[in-house]
C-alpha atoms as a PDB file:
ATOM      1  CA  MET A   1     129.318 106.116  88.250  1.00  0.00           C
ATOM      2  CA  ALA A   2     127.105 103.051  88.424  1.00  0.00           C
ATOM      3  CA  GLN A   3     123.417 103.471  87.866  1.00  0.00           C
ATOM      4  CA  ILE A   4     121.100 102.473  90.687  1.00  0.00           C
ATOM      5  CA  VAL A   5     118.057 100.586  89.530  1.00  0.00           C
ATOM      6  CA  ARG A   6     114.953 100.041  91.637  1.00  0.00           C
ATOM      7  CA  PRO A   7     115.481  96.936  93.764  1.00  0.00           C
ATOM      8  CA  MET A   8     112.705  94.450  93.094  1.00  0.00           C
ATOM      9  CA  ALA A   9     112.038  91.153  91.392  1.00  0.00           C
ATOM     10  CA  ALA A  10     109.985  91.546  88.250  1.00  0.00           C
ATOM     11  CA  ARG A  11     109.136  89.718  85.067  1.00  0.00           C
ATOM     12  CA  GLY A  12     110.158  91.418  81.862  1.00  0.00           C
ATOM     13  CA  ARG A  13     113.517  92.569  83.190  1.00  0.00           C
ATOM     14  CA  SER A  14     115.959  93.419  80.423  1.00  0.00           C
ATOM     15  CA  SER A  15     118.925  95.617  79.615  1.00  0.00           C
ATOM     16  CA  ASP A  16     118.071  99.183  78.644  1.00  0.00           C
ATOM     17  CA  GLY A  17     121.048  99.352  76.281  1.00  0.00           C
ATOM     18  CA  GLN A  18     122.753 102.016  78.418  1.00  0.00           C
ATOM     19  CA  GLY A  19     124.250  99.904  81.172  1.00  0.00           C
ATOM     20  CA  GLY A  20     121.143  99.969  83.353  1.00  0.00           C
ATOM     21  CA  VAL A  21     118.179  97.677  83.647  1.00  0.00           C
ATOM     22  CA  SER A  22     114.676  98.516  82.554  1.00  0.00           C
ATOM     23  CA  TYR A  23     111.465  96.937  83.731  1.00  0.00           C
ATOM     24  CA  ALA A  24     108.757  96.412  81.150  1.00  0.00           C
ATOM     25  CA  GLY A  25     110.721  98.555  78.720  1.00  0.00           C
ATOM     26  CA  ARG A  26     111.623 101.489  80.954  1.00  0.00           C
ATOM     27  CA  ASP A  27     113.860 102.492  83.831  1.00  0.00           C
ATOM     28  CA  ILE A  28     111.393 103.167  86.624  1.00  0.00           C
ATOM     29  CA  GLY A  29     114.094 104.734  88.803  1.00  0.00           C
ATOM     30  CA  TYR A  30     114.493 107.578  86.315  1.00  0.00           C
ATOM     31  CA  GLU A  31     111.592 109.576  87.786  1.00  0.00           C
ATOM     32  CA  TYR A  32     113.118 109.336  91.255  1.00  0.00           C
ATOM     33  CA  ARG A  33     116.619 110.260  90.104  1.00  0.00           C
ATOM     34  CA  ARG A  34     115.206 113.232  88.202  1.00  0.00           C
ATOM     35  CA  GLU A  35     113.368 114.630  91.214  1.00  0.00           C
ATOM     36  CA  PHE A  36     116.361 114.128  93.496  1.00  0.00           C
ATOM     37  CA  GLY A  37     118.610 115.746  90.887  1.00  0.00           C
ATOM     38  CA  ALA A  38     116.279 118.739  90.619  1.00  0.00           C
ATOM     39  CA  LEU A  39     116.522 119.242  94.385  1.00  0.00           C
ATOM     40  CA  LEU A  40     120.306 119.149  94.164  1.00  0.00           C
ATOM     41  CA  ARG A  41     120.329 121.552  91.192  1.00  0.00           C
ATOM     42  CA  ASP A  42     118.133 124.043  93.066  1.00  0.00           C
ATOM     43  CA  ARG A  43     120.459 123.903  96.057  1.00  0.00           C
ATOM     44  CA  ARG A  44     123.575 124.321  93.876  1.00  0.00           C
ATOM     45  CA  LEU A  45     122.087 127.300  92.060  1.00  0.00           C
ATOM     46  CA  SER A  46     120.957 128.939  95.305  1.00  0.00           C
ATOM     47  CA  LEU A  47     124.607 128.859  96.413  1.00  0.00           C
ATOM     48  CA  GLY A  48     125.793 130.281  93.083  1.00  0.00           C
ATOM     49  CA  LEU A  49     127.895 127.221  92.286  1.00  0.00           C
ATOM     50  CA  THR A  50     128.545 125.871  88.803  1.00  0.00           C
ATOM     51  CA  GLN A  51     128.432 122.206  87.875  1.00  0.00           C
ATOM     52  CA  GLN A  52     132.169 122.449  87.219  1.00  0.00           C
ATOM     53  CA  GLU A  53     132.859 123.745  90.737  1.00  0.00           C
ATOM     54  CA  VAL A  54     130.744 121.048  92.362  1.00  0.00           C
ATOM     55  CA  GLY A  55     132.286 118.364  90.162  1.00  0.00           C
ATOM     56  CA  ASN A  56     135.817 119.504  90.995  1.00  0.00           C
ATOM     57  CA  ASP A  57     135.078 119.470  94.730  1.00  0.00           C
ATOM     58  CA  LEU A  58     133.394 116.061  94.472  1.00  0.00           C
ATOM     59  CA  GLY A  59     136.157 114.575  92.325  1.00  0.00           C
ATOM     60  CA  VAL A  60     134.003 114.006  89.232  1.00  0.00           C
ATOM     61  CA  GLY A  61     133.553 115.835  85.959  1.00  0.00           C
ATOM     62  CA  PHE A  62     130.912 118.500  85.424  1.00  0.00           C
ATOM     63  CA  SER A  63     129.152 116.122  83.018  1.00  0.00           C
ATOM     64  CA  ALA A  64     128.571 113.706  85.921  1.00  0.00           C
ATOM     65  CA  ILE A  65     126.932 116.512  87.924  1.00  0.00           C
ATOM     66  CA  SER A  66     124.764 117.343  84.916  1.00  0.00           C
ATOM     67  CA  ALA A  67     123.797 113.685  84.538  1.00  0.00           C
ATOM     68  CA  ILE A  68     122.890 113.424  88.246  1.00  0.00           C
ATOM     69  CA  GLU A  69     120.831 116.614  88.137  1.00  0.00           C
ATOM     70  CA  ASN A  70     118.975 115.423  85.036  1.00  0.00           C
ATOM     71  CA  GLY A  71     118.347 111.927  86.412  1.00  0.00           C
ATOM     72  CA  ARG A  72     120.408 110.100  83.819  1.00  0.00           C
ATOM     73  CA  ILE A  73     122.582 108.546  86.544  1.00  0.00           C
ATOM     74  CA  ALA A  74     122.253 108.187  90.291  1.00  0.00           C
ATOM     75  CA  LEU A  75     124.457 109.849  92.845  1.00  0.00           C
ATOM     76  CA  ALA A  76     126.887 107.234  94.138  1.00  0.00           C
ATOM     77  CA  ALA A  77     126.114 106.537  97.789  1.00  0.00           C
ATOM     78  CA  ASP A  78     129.738 107.093  98.781  1.00  0.00           C
ATOM     79  CA  LYS A  79     129.575 110.651  97.370  1.00  0.00           C
ATOM     80  CA  ALA A  80     126.413 111.735  99.218  1.00  0.00           C
ATOM     81  CA  GLU A  81     128.140 112.946 102.388  1.00  0.00           C
ATOM     82  CA  ALA A  82     130.750 114.945 100.467  1.00  0.00           C
ATOM     83  CA  LEU A  83     128.047 116.482  98.293  1.00  0.00           C
ATOM     84  CA  ALA A  84     126.102 117.487 101.408  1.00  0.00           C
ATOM     85  CA  GLU A  85     129.180 119.367 102.611  1.00  0.00           C
ATOM     86  CA  ILE A  86     129.710 121.039  99.226  1.00  0.00           C
ATOM     87  CA  LEU A  87     126.052 122.108  99.072  1.00  0.00           C
ATOM     88  CA  LYS A  88     126.103 123.183 102.739  1.00  0.00           C
ATOM     89  CA  MET A  89     123.386 120.729 103.660  1.00  0.00           C
ATOM     90  CA  ASP A  90     122.915 118.930 106.931  1.00  0.00           C
ATOM     91  CA  ARG A  91     124.211 115.346 106.553  1.00  0.00           C
ATOM     92  CA  GLU A  92     120.996 113.906 107.963  1.00  0.00           C
ATOM     93  CA  GLU A  93     118.909 115.987 105.552  1.00  0.00           C
ATOM     94  CA  MET A  94     120.995 114.733 102.616  1.00  0.00           C
ATOM     95  CA  GLY A  95     120.693 111.164 103.884  1.00  0.00           C
ATOM     96  CA  ARG A  96     116.910 111.433 104.072  1.00  0.00           C
ATOM     97  CA  LEU A  97     116.639 112.984 100.623  1.00  0.00           C
ATOM     98  CA  TYR A  98     118.982 110.404  99.142  1.00  0.00           C
ATOM     99  CA  LEU A  99     117.099 107.512 100.721  1.00  0.00           C
ATOM    100  CA  ARG A 100     113.657 108.963  99.879  1.00  0.00           C
ATOM    101  CA  TRP A 101     114.521 109.224  96.207  1.00  0.00           C
ATOM    102  CA  SER A 102     116.734 106.150  95.838  1.00  0.00           C
ATOM    103  CA  ASN A 103     114.837 103.577  97.909  1.00  0.00           C
ATOM    104  CA  PRO A 104     111.334 104.667  98.925  1.00  0.00           C
ATOM    105  CA  TRP A 105     110.571 101.284 100.524  1.00  0.00           C
ATOM    106  CA  VAL A 106     113.414 101.520 103.029  1.00  0.00           C
ATOM    107  CA  TYR A 107     112.641 105.207 103.625  1.00  0.00           C
ATOM    108  CA  LYS A 108     109.061 104.271 104.504  1.00  0.00           C
ATOM    109  CA  MET A 109     110.274 101.538 106.868  1.00  0.00           C
ATOM    110  CA  ILE A 110     112.706 103.807 108.716  1.00  0.00           C
ATOM    111  CA  TYR A 111     110.646 106.972 108.896  1.00  0.00           C
ATOM    112  CA  ASN A 112     107.198 105.344 109.009  1.00  0.00           C
ATOM    113  CA  SER A 113     106.231 107.809 106.323  1.00  0.00           C
ATOM    114  CA  ARG A 114     102.604 108.652 105.730  1.00  0.00           C
ATOM    115  CA  ASP A 115     103.532 110.836 102.746  1.00  0.00           C
ATOM    116  CA  ARG A 116     100.634 110.342 100.331  1.00  0.00           C
ATOM    117  CA  ARG A 117     102.776 110.686  97.218  1.00  0.00           C
ATOM    118  CA  LEU A 118     105.359 108.218  98.509  1.00  0.00           C
ATOM    119  CA  LEU A 119     102.653 105.666  99.304  1.00  0.00           C
ATOM    120  CA  GLU A 120     101.051 106.146  95.872  1.00  0.00           C
ATOM    121  CA  ASP A 121     104.435 105.741  94.179  1.00  0.00           C
ATOM    122  CA  ILE A 122     105.210 102.560  96.071  1.00  0.00           C
ATOM    123  CA  SER A 123     101.776 101.050  95.482  1.00  0.00           C
ATOM    124  CA  SER A 124     101.851 101.849  91.750  1.00  0.00           C
ATOM    125  CA  ILE A 125     105.191 100.176  91.064  1.00  0.00           C
ATOM    126  CA  PRO A 126     103.988  96.548  90.906  1.00  0.00           C
ATOM    127  CA  SER A 127     101.420  97.372  88.224  1.00  0.00           C
ATOM    128  CA  ARG A 128     104.007  99.339  86.242  1.00  0.00           C
ATOM    129  CA  VAL A 129     106.497  96.480  86.134  1.00  0.00           C
ATOM    130  CA  GLY A 130     104.245  93.480  85.728  1.00  0.00           C
ATOM    131  CA  VAL A 131     104.669  91.985  89.195  1.00  0.00           C
ATOM    132  CA  ASN A 132     102.125  89.334  90.083  1.00  0.00           C
ATOM    133  CA  PRO A 133      99.240  91.225  91.844  1.00  0.00           C
ATOM    134  CA  ALA A 134      98.831  88.457  94.442  1.00  0.00           C
ATOM    135  CA  MET A 135     102.523  88.726  95.343  1.00  0.00           C
ATOM    136  CA  ALA A 136     102.283  92.529  95.522  1.00  0.00           C
ATOM    137  CA  ALA A 137      99.271  92.295  97.875  1.00  0.00           C
ATOM    138  CA  ARG A 138     101.224  90.022 100.244  1.00  0.00           C
ATOM    139  CA  THR A 139     104.174  92.406 100.368  1.00  0.00           C
ATOM    140  CA  LYS A 140     101.968  95.440 101.199  1.00  0.00           C
ATOM    141  CA  LYS A 141     100.932  93.980 104.577  1.00  0.00           C
END
């Protein structure tokens, strides 16, 4: 499964040595993948499913489910709908969760989110990756 990396232009972009891209020495999408994965893990456990069972139904190995739940890799977008069915989640709910944790900027645009944490996360990213502050100020408007 390919790793999704936060979409943005930044100085200091380099390989993280694991097939992904890090910004200023770290993969800033990791935090988001971890939180999304924790939500999926909680749902899986509440249904009494094992990683092996979910992986079999999704067509991936249990190690891929473990990696998604721990934030090491992102859930492939083409697997989100099938995973929603496996976890007995509403497709729209899964779509919102997936978008919220994989692309907070687009989520904010679509849902006009006033979520304080989301706004703090988005506003903190430029300083964490070394983006020019003047450029970041223009994009916030």
